[in-house]
Amino acid sequence: MKNNIKTPHQKALTINLNADKYGSIAEIGAGQETARWFFRAGGAAGTIAKTMSAYDMKFSDAIYGKSPRYVSRERISAMLTHEFNLLLERLDESRSDTRCFFSFANTVAARSFTHQTDGHGWLGVRFEAQAHEPPSTVILHVNLHGKNNIQDQETLGVLGINLIYAALYLNQDMDAFLLSLVDQLFSEVVEIDLIDFSGPAFEQVDNRLMALRLVQHGLSNAALFFADGKIVQIADALWRKSVLVERSRFRPPTKLTLNLLDCAQHRFTEEQNISSDEVLVLSEMTLCDLESNKQSDIDTDDFLSRVNILCAMGKHVLISNYGEFFRLAQYLFNYTKNPVAIAMGLPSLRDLFNEKYYVNLPGGILESFGRLFKHDLRLYVCPEINKDTGKLISINELQLESHLHHLYDYLLENNFVRDLNSVNSDYLKIHSDEVLHMIRQNIPGWEDAVPEQVASMIKERGCFNYAE
């Protein structure tokens, strides 16, 4: 798929010269940056019914209603509803049969003189793909990493034009839609960590797949959706929460992977003296875990099989491009000051000490562990069974290269690594790769390695190339 990159000037002019596109723009918090492109391009009278900026909070409340937070999903939804309804109320009877309405809105907290931190915001567009039909909506959340307020404003203006253009002209090609959002932008200055599509133009769009595409295309480092399939903004989800993560391929989710996570959650809440509601439990998959045969392509049916099963089991799913655990930990601690825990098996802990993963770090493995355990993080590690001897191996019997012994002893003595011996020992014999092979070859007995609900879904939906 080839993406025809156009400048914001070209996009704005294209929309302005199309007599069938007509709408309004409302921007809160960072000026009239998107509207400015339409006026600079020329011919805006044929496109713009109204632009506005309700910068003062009381003015904003008077127009859109009171809100506990002005930079929020609730606020952007209220803005889009209000502005699009105004178009219909005031102009619907007088428009031609081919003219399609749209409303764009954003609410942003950008870097300023008083807040010298990275900004973030919500942008959205509501539009008619065909005149007089029910509207469709796209909402996205962005993190702004500009070095100053002017750079963030320029980013917002370009991103706003890109979003409007994509909604009006690229709504039938979702990959082109997503890639076009960052035309003329760089990942160093903007990250899109949530996008949500709804309405008749996107009836065939699975927002969970779009979350994957955000990470796959490099628009974001991670994306999160809850068990109900709703795409959520990570900062909101992690706010004042402790976090427990299990990384796996979940291909398929086995009794071991699910029991390990349950046991880790019980231990974590017990040690922290907190309730389960205070912990956000995440099932994480990295791009590497999703790619086929170490290639960059991702089997979307396979991906959706995994997440459908996880969601049916009540699990929240995090997709990331953080291959190294220390990068995942740093990411999570950006959004919470509470403790973070990672649940894993002994093979993953052994892999954590493989120095080949840290050759690009100036401080090597020491730097990686320094970053990993910089904050309140712990690893819960379940034992494994030696295939040759049948012996149970715990964290205390883990064999590492001799020059790593002192480092490992330090982690054990300071309880950074904790033994998770409550996992059902019968499940330790389960290996997901073997289970996957049995499913694909229709070898009897694989059902015993997964929960009954998982087995039923695999059979009913033909997941993982299951063939009866």
Protein backbone atom coordinates (compact mmCIF):
# COMPACT_ATOMS: atom_id res chain seq x y z
CA MET A 1 0.00 0.00 0.00
CA LYS A 2 1.54 3.24 -1.16
CA ASN A 3 0.74 6.35 0.83
CA ASN A 4 0.50 9.56 -1.20
CA ILE A 5 1.98 12.10 1.20
CA LYS A 6 0.57 15.61 0.88
CA THR A 7 1.55 18.75 2.74
CA PRO A 8 -0.97 20.35 5.13
CA HIS A 9 -1.28 23.24 2.66
CA GLN A 10 -2.22 20.83 -0.14
CA LYS A 11 -4.68 18.99 2.08
CA ALA A 12 -6.35 22.19 3.29
CA LEU A 13 -6.62 23.52 -0.27
CA THR A 14 -8.07 20.22 -1.51
CA ILE A 15 -10.81 20.41 1.11
CA ASN A 16 -11.42 24.12 0.47
CA LEU A 17 -11.90 23.53 -3.25
CA ASN A 18 -14.39 20.72 -2.69
CA ALA A 19 -17.82 22.32 -2.60
CA ASP A 20 -19.31 19.17 -1.06
CA LYS A 21 -17.31 19.45 2.19
CA TYR A 22 -18.47 22.01 4.74
CA GLY A 23 -17.98 22.24 8.47
CA SER A 24 -16.81 23.89 11.68
CA ILE A 25 -13.69 23.91 13.82
CA ALA A 26 -13.53 24.36 17.60
CA GLU A 27 -10.19 24.38 19.42
CA ILE A 28 -9.53 24.69 23.13
CA GLY A 29 -6.19 25.27 24.80
CA ALA A 30 -3.66 25.76 22.02
CA GLY A 31 -5.06 28.38 19.66
CA GLN A 32 -6.58 28.20 16.19
CA GLU A 33 -3.80 26.13 14.69
CA THR A 34 -5.92 23.80 12.55
CA ALA A 35 -8.27 26.54 11.34
CA ARG A 36 -5.26 28.67 10.39
CA TRP A 37 -4.24 26.18 7.69
CA PHE A 38 -7.57 26.51 5.91
CA PHE A 39 -7.36 30.30 5.86
CA ARG A 40 -3.73 30.28 4.74
CA ALA A 41 -4.50 27.89 1.88
CA GLY A 42 -7.21 30.18 0.47
CA GLY A 43 -10.81 29.50 -0.48
CA ALA A 44 -11.86 28.78 3.11
CA ALA A 45 -15.23 30.49 2.60
CA GLY A 46 -16.36 27.40 0.72
CA THR A 47 -15.38 25.09 3.58
CA ILE A 48 -15.60 26.78 6.98
CA ALA A 49 -18.94 27.64 8.53
CA LYS A 50 -17.39 28.65 11.85
CA THR A 51 -14.17 28.57 13.84
CA MET A 52 -13.93 29.27 17.54
CA SER A 53 -11.77 28.92 20.64
CA ALA A 54 -13.53 28.84 24.00
CA TYR A 55 -10.29 29.44 25.86
CA ASP A 56 -11.81 30.64 29.14
CA MET A 57 -13.16 27.78 31.28
CA LYS A 58 -16.44 29.57 32.09
CA PHE A 59 -17.07 30.25 28.40
CA SER A 60 -16.27 26.63 27.63
CA ASP A 61 -18.64 25.38 30.34
CA ALA A 62 -21.40 27.66 29.07
CA ILE A 63 -21.10 26.14 25.60
CA TYR A 64 -20.35 22.47 26.26
CA GLY A 65 -21.47 21.96 29.86
CA LYS A 66 -19.39 21.54 32.97
CA SER A 67 -16.68 18.91 33.00
CA PRO A 68 -14.37 17.64 35.75
CA ARG A 69 -11.51 17.76 33.27
CA TYR A 70 -11.17 19.99 30.24
CA VAL A 71 -8.61 17.81 28.47
CA SER A 72 -10.48 14.52 28.40
CA ARG A 73 -12.34 12.09 26.22
CA GLU A 74 -15.63 13.24 27.71
CA ARG A 75 -14.86 16.84 26.74
CA ILE A 76 -13.91 16.09 23.13
CA SER A 77 -17.09 14.00 22.73
CA ALA A 78 -19.23 16.83 24.09
CA MET A 79 -17.56 19.32 21.76
CA LEU A 80 -18.11 17.16 18.68
CA THR A 81 -21.74 16.51 19.55
CA HIS A 82 -22.49 20.17 20.18
CA GLU A 83 -20.72 21.50 17.08
CA PHE A 84 -22.10 18.92 14.66
CA ASN A 85 -25.64 19.37 15.97
CA LEU A 86 -25.32 23.10 15.39
CA LEU A 87 -24.46 22.49 11.73
CA LEU A 88 -27.58 20.37 11.32
CA GLU A 89 -29.76 22.80 13.23
CA ARG A 90 -28.68 25.89 11.30
CA LEU A 91 -27.74 24.65 7.83
CA ASP A 92 -29.36 21.29 7.13
CA GLU A 93 -32.41 22.62 5.33
CA SER A 94 -30.44 24.98 3.10
CA ARG A 95 -27.63 22.68 1.97
CA SER A 96 -27.48 20.83 -1.34
CA ASP A 97 -28.14 17.11 -1.60
CA THR A 98 -24.42 16.41 -2.05
CA ARG A 99 -22.91 18.62 0.64
CA CYS A 100 -21.44 16.64 3.55
CA PHE A 101 -20.97 18.25 6.97
CA PHE A 102 -18.01 17.79 9.31
CA SER A 103 -17.00 19.15 12.70
CA PHE A 104 -13.45 19.10 14.04
CA ALA A 105 -12.52 19.74 17.67
CA ASN A 106 -9.53 19.53 19.94
CA THR A 107 -8.83 20.16 23.62
CA VAL A 108 -5.17 20.29 24.51
CA ALA A 109 -2.83 21.02 27.39
CA ALA A 110 0.37 22.10 25.69
CA ARG A 111 3.74 23.10 27.08
CA SER A 112 3.58 26.63 28.49
CA PHE A 113 5.43 29.15 30.65
CA THR A 114 3.86 27.71 33.81
CA HIS A 115 3.84 24.02 32.81
CA GLN A 116 7.22 23.01 31.46
CA THR A 117 6.19 19.42 30.83
CA ASP A 118 5.16 17.50 27.76
CA GLY A 119 1.66 18.31 26.60
CA HIS A 120 -1.17 16.03 25.57
CA GLY A 121 -4.59 16.36 24.11
CA TRP A 122 -7.66 14.94 22.41
CA LEU A 123 -8.61 15.54 18.80
CA GLY A 124 -11.71 14.39 16.98
CA VAL A 125 -13.72 14.76 13.83
CA ARG A 126 -17.37 13.92 13.20
CA PHE A 127 -18.37 13.74 9.55
CA GLU A 128 -20.83 12.48 6.99
CA ALA A 129 -19.41 10.06 4.43
CA GLN A 130 -22.60 10.65 2.45
CA ALA A 131 -24.87 13.67 2.75
CA HIS A 132 -27.75 13.32 5.24
CA GLU A 133 -26.59 9.92 6.53
CA PRO A 134 -25.78 9.38 10.24
CA PRO A 135 -22.29 10.74 11.02
CA SER A 136 -19.13 8.80 11.77
CA THR A 137 -16.56 9.80 14.38
CA VAL A 138 -12.83 9.50 14.90
CA ILE A 139 -11.29 10.39 18.26
CA LEU A 140 -7.61 10.20 19.08
CA HIS A 141 -5.30 11.04 21.97
CA VAL A 142 -1.82 12.48 21.43
CA ASN A 143 1.25 13.03 23.56
CA LEU A 144 3.26 16.10 22.55
CA HIS A 145 7.02 16.06 22.91
CA GLY A 146 7.94 19.43 21.42
CA LYS A 147 10.74 21.43 22.98
CA ASN A 148 8.58 24.53 23.27
CA ASN A 149 5.01 25.75 22.99
CA ILE A 150 5.42 26.95 19.40
CA GLN A 151 6.54 23.50 18.24
CA ASP A 152 3.55 21.86 19.94
CA GLN A 153 1.21 24.37 18.28
CA GLU A 154 2.66 23.67 14.85
CA THR A 155 2.32 19.93 15.49
CA LEU A 156 -1.33 20.29 16.47
CA GLY A 157 -2.14 22.33 13.38
CA VAL A 158 -0.63 19.77 11.02
CA LEU A 159 -2.16 16.83 12.91
CA GLY A 160 -5.59 18.47 12.81
CA ILE A 161 -5.44 18.97 9.04
CA ASN A 162 -4.19 15.41 8.59
CA LEU A 163 -7.09 14.05 10.66
CA ILE A 164 -9.78 15.99 8.79
CA TYR A 165 -8.32 15.04 5.41
CA ALA A 166 -8.04 11.37 6.36
CA ALA A 167 -11.64 11.28 7.60
CA LEU A 168 -13.00 12.86 4.43
CA TYR A 169 -10.86 11.10 1.84
CA LEU A 170 -9.20 7.99 3.31
CA ASN A 171 -11.96 6.39 5.36
CA GLN A 172 -12.00 3.29 3.13
CA ASP A 173 -8.31 2.46 3.60
CA MET A 174 -7.43 2.25 7.28
CA ASP A 175 -3.68 1.75 6.85
CA ALA A 176 -3.51 4.81 4.59
CA PHE A 177 -5.67 6.67 7.11
CA LEU A 178 -3.32 5.93 10.02
CA LEU A 179 -0.10 6.63 8.16
CA SER A 180 -1.44 9.91 6.81
CA LEU A 181 -1.97 11.22 10.34
CA VAL A 182 1.76 11.79 10.73
CA ASP A 183 2.42 13.27 7.28
CA GLN A 184 5.02 16.03 7.72
CA LEU A 185 5.45 15.08 11.39
CA PHE A 186 8.13 13.18 13.30
CA SER A 187 7.70 10.56 16.02
CA GLU A 188 10.04 12.61 18.22
CA VAL A 189 7.42 15.37 18.55
CA VAL A 190 4.11 13.49 18.63
CA GLU A 191 2.78 10.09 19.69
CA ILE A 192 -0.76 8.84 19.02
CA ASP A 193 -1.54 6.29 21.72
CA LEU A 194 -5.29 5.94 21.15
CA ILE A 195 -7.60 6.06 18.18
CA ASP A 196 -11.27 5.15 18.17
CA PHE A 197 -13.49 4.77 15.10
CA SER A 198 -17.29 4.64 15.17
CA GLY A 199 -20.24 5.15 12.87
CA PRO A 200 -21.41 3.80 9.49
CA ALA A 201 -18.17 4.64 7.65
CA PHE A 202 -16.29 2.30 10.02
CA GLU A 203 -18.72 -0.57 10.52
CA GLN A 204 -16.07 -3.10 9.48
CA VAL A 205 -13.29 -1.56 11.59
CA ASP A 206 -12.08 -3.41 14.69
CA ASN A 207 -10.61 -0.82 17.03
CA ARG A 208 -8.41 -3.44 18.69
CA LEU A 209 -6.76 -4.07 15.34
CA MET A 210 -6.30 -0.32 14.93
CA ALA A 211 -4.55 -0.27 18.31
CA LEU A 212 -2.15 -2.86 16.98
CA ARG A 213 -1.59 -0.83 13.81
CA LEU A 214 -0.68 2.27 15.84
CA VAL A 215 2.20 0.36 17.40
CA GLN A 216 3.10 -1.55 14.25
CA HIS A 217 3.34 1.65 12.18
CA GLY A 218 5.39 3.42 14.84
CA LEU A 219 2.74 6.00 15.72
CA SER A 220 2.89 4.84 19.34
CA ASN A 221 5.08 2.69 21.56
CA ALA A 222 2.11 0.96 23.16
CA ALA A 223 -1.66 0.73 23.04
CA LEU A 224 -4.16 -0.62 25.54
CA PHE A 225 -7.69 -1.98 25.39
CA PHE A 226 -9.83 -3.41 28.13
CA ALA A 227 -11.60 -6.76 28.26
CA ASP A 228 -14.78 -5.18 26.86
CA GLY A 229 -12.83 -4.20 23.74
CA LYS A 230 -12.84 -0.48 24.55
CA ILE A 231 -9.64 1.34 23.59
CA VAL A 232 -8.38 3.31 26.58
CA GLN A 233 -5.82 6.02 27.11
CA ILE A 234 -2.89 4.58 29.04
CA ALA A 235 -2.31 7.54 31.34
CA ASP A 236 -5.95 7.44 32.44
CA ALA A 237 -5.93 3.68 32.95
CA LEU A 238 -2.74 3.73 35.06
CA TRP A 239 -3.62 6.81 37.12
CA ARG A 240 -2.97 6.00 40.80
CA LYS A 241 -2.91 2.28 40.03
CA SER A 242 -0.41 -0.40 40.87
CA VAL A 243 0.34 -2.49 37.80
CA LEU A 244 0.88 -6.20 37.27
CA VAL A 245 2.01 -7.37 33.82
CA GLU A 246 2.42 -10.80 32.32
CA ARG A 247 4.23 -10.97 28.98
CA SER A 248 3.45 -13.96 26.78
CA ARG A 249 2.51 -14.95 23.27
CA PHE A 250 -0.83 -16.30 24.57
CA ARG A 251 -0.85 -18.66 21.64
CA PRO A 252 -2.95 -20.07 23.14
CA PRO A 253 -3.52 -18.87 26.71
CA THR A 254 -2.86 -22.03 28.73
CA LYS A 255 -3.76 -23.06 32.25
CA LEU A 256 -0.19 -22.21 33.23
CA THR A 257 -0.16 -18.66 31.85
CA LEU A 258 -3.52 -17.85 33.45
CA ASN A 259 -2.74 -19.52 36.78
CA LEU A 260 0.63 -17.76 36.96
CA LEU A 261 -1.06 -14.38 36.55
CA ASP A 262 -3.75 -15.17 39.12
CA CYS A 263 -1.17 -16.31 41.68
CA ALA A 264 0.99 -13.25 41.06
CA GLN A 265 -2.01 -10.97 41.51
CA HIS A 266 -2.90 -12.61 44.82
CA ARG A 267 0.67 -12.31 46.07
CA PHE A 268 1.05 -8.72 44.84
CA THR A 269 -2.14 -7.46 46.49
CA GLU A 270 -1.31 -9.30 49.69
CA GLU A 271 2.19 -7.83 49.94
CA GLN A 272 0.97 -4.33 49.09
CA ASN A 273 -2.07 -4.64 51.38
CA ILE A 274 -4.34 -3.34 48.63
CA SER A 275 -7.52 -4.57 46.97
CA SER A 276 -7.71 -6.08 43.50
CA ASP A 277 -9.50 -2.93 42.30
CA GLU A 278 -6.34 -0.94 43.01
CA VAL A 279 -4.28 -3.08 40.64
CA LEU A 280 -4.40 -2.88 36.85
CA VAL A 281 -3.62 -6.38 35.55
CA LEU A 282 -2.31 -6.48 31.99
CA SER A 283 -1.68 -9.28 29.52
CA GLU A 284 1.06 -7.90 27.31
CA MET A 285 2.15 -8.89 23.82
CA THR A 286 5.09 -7.33 22.04
CA LEU A 287 5.37 -6.88 18.29
CA CYS A 288 8.04 -9.59 18.30
CA ASP A 289 5.54 -12.00 19.86
CA LEU A 290 3.03 -11.19 17.11
CA GLU A 291 5.26 -11.26 14.06
CA SER A 292 5.22 -14.39 11.92
CA ASN A 293 8.46 -16.32 11.59
CA LYS A 294 10.52 -13.36 12.78
CA GLN A 295 9.24 -11.32 9.84
CA SER A 296 7.63 -7.92 10.09
CA ASP A 297 4.24 -9.15 8.87
CA ILE A 298 1.52 -9.85 11.42
CA ASP A 299 -1.30 -12.34 10.90
CA THR A 300 -4.31 -10.26 11.93
CA ASP A 301 -6.58 -13.32 12.26
CA ASP A 302 -4.08 -14.89 14.61
CA PHE A 303 -3.83 -11.65 16.60
CA LEU A 304 -7.60 -11.32 16.91
CA SER A 305 -7.86 -14.97 17.98
CA ARG A 306 -5.52 -14.29 20.87
CA VAL A 307 -7.21 -11.09 22.00
CA ASN A 308 -10.73 -12.50 21.60
CA ILE A 309 -9.81 -15.32 23.95
CA LEU A 310 -8.04 -13.04 26.43
CA CYS A 311 -10.94 -10.59 26.46
CA ALA A 312 -13.42 -13.43 26.94
CA MET A 313 -11.35 -14.45 29.98
CA GLY A 314 -11.69 -10.91 31.35
CA LYS A 315 -8.12 -9.81 30.59
CA HIS A 316 -6.96 -6.33 29.60
CA VAL A 317 -4.49 -6.37 26.71
CA LEU A 318 -1.40 -4.19 26.27
CA ILE A 319 0.42 -4.18 22.92
CA SER A 320 3.94 -2.74 22.92
CA ASN A 321 7.16 -2.55 20.97
CA TYR A 322 9.24 -2.80 24.16
CA GLY A 323 11.29 -5.92 23.65
CA GLU A 324 13.43 -5.30 26.73
CA PHE A 325 11.76 -5.44 30.13
CA PHE A 326 13.55 -2.34 31.37
CA ARG A 327 11.96 -0.30 28.57
CA LEU A 328 8.53 -1.64 29.50
CA ALA A 329 9.14 -0.74 33.15
CA GLN A 330 10.27 2.78 32.28
CA TYR A 331 7.14 3.24 30.16
CA LEU A 332 4.79 2.13 32.95
CA PHE A 333 6.48 4.32 35.54
CA ASN A 334 5.87 7.31 33.29
CA TYR A 335 2.20 6.99 34.19
CA THR A 336 2.11 5.69 37.75
CA LYS A 337 4.08 6.25 40.93
CA ASN A 338 2.69 3.09 42.49
CA PRO A 339 4.48 -0.29 42.55
CA VAL A 340 4.79 -2.32 39.35
CA ALA A 341 5.25 -6.09 39.17
CA ILE A 342 6.02 -8.44 36.31
CA ALA A 343 4.92 -12.08 36.39
CA MET A 344 7.07 -14.55 34.46
CA GLY A 345 8.33 -18.09 34.29
CA LEU A 346 11.88 -19.15 35.06
CA PRO A 347 12.82 -19.36 31.33
CA SER A 348 12.01 -15.65 30.96
CA LEU A 349 14.13 -14.80 34.00
CA ARG A 350 17.00 -16.81 32.53
CA ASP A 351 16.58 -14.92 29.27
CA LEU A 352 16.69 -11.64 31.18
CA PHE A 353 20.34 -12.39 31.99
CA ASN A 354 21.30 -12.94 28.35
CA GLU A 355 23.82 -10.17 27.71
CA LYS A 356 23.29 -10.17 23.94
CA TYR A 357 20.16 -8.06 24.49
CA TYR A 358 22.18 -5.22 26.00
CA VAL A 359 25.09 -4.79 23.60
CA ASN A 360 23.75 -1.40 22.53
CA LEU A 361 23.58 -0.08 26.08
CA PRO A 362 26.74 1.76 27.21
CA GLY A 363 26.42 0.14 30.63
CA GLY A 364 25.38 -3.28 29.31
CA ILE A 365 23.45 -5.58 31.59
CA LEU A 366 24.18 -3.44 34.65
CA GLU A 367 22.53 -0.44 33.03
CA SER A 368 19.51 -2.51 32.01
CA PHE A 369 18.97 -3.76 35.56
CA GLY A 370 19.55 -0.28 36.94
CA ARG A 371 16.73 0.99 34.75
CA LEU A 372 14.51 -2.02 35.43
CA PHE A 373 14.68 -1.77 39.21
CA LYS A 374 15.07 2.00 39.48
CA HIS A 375 11.60 2.36 40.98
CA ASP A 376 9.41 0.04 43.04
CA LEU A 377 9.42 -2.97 40.72
CA ARG A 378 9.54 -6.66 41.52
CA LEU A 379 9.54 -9.87 39.51
CA TYR A 380 7.32 -12.79 40.48
CA VAL A 381 8.85 -15.92 39.00
CA CYS A 382 7.26 -19.35 38.96
CA PRO A 383 9.48 -22.46 38.92
CA GLU A 384 9.98 -24.85 36.03
CA ILE A 385 10.36 -28.59 35.66
CA ASN A 386 13.56 -29.88 34.11
CA LYS A 387 12.51 -32.01 31.13
CA ASP A 388 15.44 -34.38 31.51
CA THR A 389 15.41 -34.98 35.27
CA GLY A 390 11.85 -34.06 36.20
CA LYS A 391 13.29 -31.95 39.02
CA LEU A 392 11.56 -28.77 40.12
CA ILE A 393 13.81 -25.74 39.64
CA SER A 394 13.07 -22.50 41.50
CA ILE A 395 14.75 -19.11 41.45
CA ASN A 396 17.26 -20.37 44.02
CA GLU A 397 18.48 -23.14 41.70
CA LEU A 398 18.72 -21.01 38.56
CA GLN A 399 22.04 -21.62 36.80
CA LEU A 400 23.76 -18.57 35.31
CA GLU A 401 27.23 -17.79 34.04
CA SER A 402 29.68 -17.43 36.90
CA HIS A 403 30.35 -13.71 36.38
CA LEU A 404 26.61 -12.98 36.88
CA HIS A 405 26.27 -14.79 40.22
CA HIS A 406 26.93 -11.76 42.40
CA LEU A 407 24.47 -9.64 40.43
CA TYR A 408 21.79 -12.29 40.76
CA ASP A 409 22.47 -12.75 44.46
CA TYR A 410 22.02 -9.01 44.94
CA LEU A 411 18.60 -9.14 43.27
CA LEU A 412 17.52 -12.11 45.40
CA GLU A 413 18.75 -10.66 48.68
CA ASN A 414 16.90 -7.39 48.07
CA ASN A 415 13.67 -9.14 47.05
CA PHE A 416 13.65 -7.72 43.55
CA VAL A 417 13.11 -11.31 42.37
CA ARG A 418 10.54 -13.32 44.31
CA ASP A 419 9.63 -16.98 44.15
CA LEU A 420 6.07 -17.65 43.02
CA ASN A 421 5.69 -21.19 44.33
CA SER A 422 1.89 -21.10 44.61
CA VAL A 423 1.43 -21.96 40.92
CA ASN A 424 -0.21 -25.35 40.40
CA SER A 425 2.72 -27.74 39.92
CA ASP A 426 0.70 -29.88 37.48
CA TYR A 427 0.58 -26.92 35.09
CA LEU A 428 4.37 -26.54 34.98
CA LYS A 429 4.51 -29.37 32.44
CA ILE A 430 2.47 -27.32 29.96
CA HIS A 431 4.41 -25.68 27.12
CA SER A 432 2.42 -23.41 24.83
CA ASP A 433 4.48 -24.28 21.72
CA GLU A 434 3.64 -27.95 22.18
CA VAL A 435 -0.02 -27.13 22.75
CA LEU A 436 -0.10 -25.02 19.58
CA HIS A 437 1.44 -27.89 17.59
CA MET A 438 -1.19 -30.30 18.95
CA ILE A 439 -4.00 -27.90 18.02
CA ARG A 440 -2.76 -27.50 14.46
CA GLN A 441 -2.18 -31.22 13.99
CA ASN A 442 -5.43 -32.13 15.76
CA ILE A 443 -3.55 -34.30 18.25
CA PRO A 444 -5.88 -35.38 21.07
CA GLY A 445 -5.22 -34.10 24.57
CA TRP A 446 -4.47 -30.43 23.98
CA GLU A 447 -7.77 -29.49 25.55
CA ASP A 448 -6.39 -30.57 28.94
CA ALA A 449 -3.74 -27.83 28.75
CA VAL A 450 -6.17 -24.92 28.39
CA PRO A 451 -9.27 -23.78 30.31
CA GLU A 452 -12.53 -25.25 29.05
CA GLN A 453 -13.71 -21.85 27.78
CA VAL A 454 -10.51 -21.43 25.76
CA ALA A 455 -10.85 -24.90 24.22
CA SER A 456 -14.45 -24.18 23.22
CA MET A 457 -13.53 -20.89 21.53
CA ILE A 458 -10.65 -22.49 19.63
CA LYS A 459 -12.93 -25.20 18.28
CA GLU A 460 -15.93 -22.98 17.52
CA ARG A 461 -13.90 -20.27 15.77
CA GLY A 462 -11.13 -22.34 14.24
CA CYS A 463 -8.44 -20.35 16.06
CA PHE A 464 -4.73 -21.05 15.49
CA ASN A 465 -5.51 -23.06 12.31
CA TYR A 466 -7.49 -25.62 14.25
CA ALA A 467 -9.16 -28.06 11.90
CA GLU A 468 -11.49 -30.72 13.23
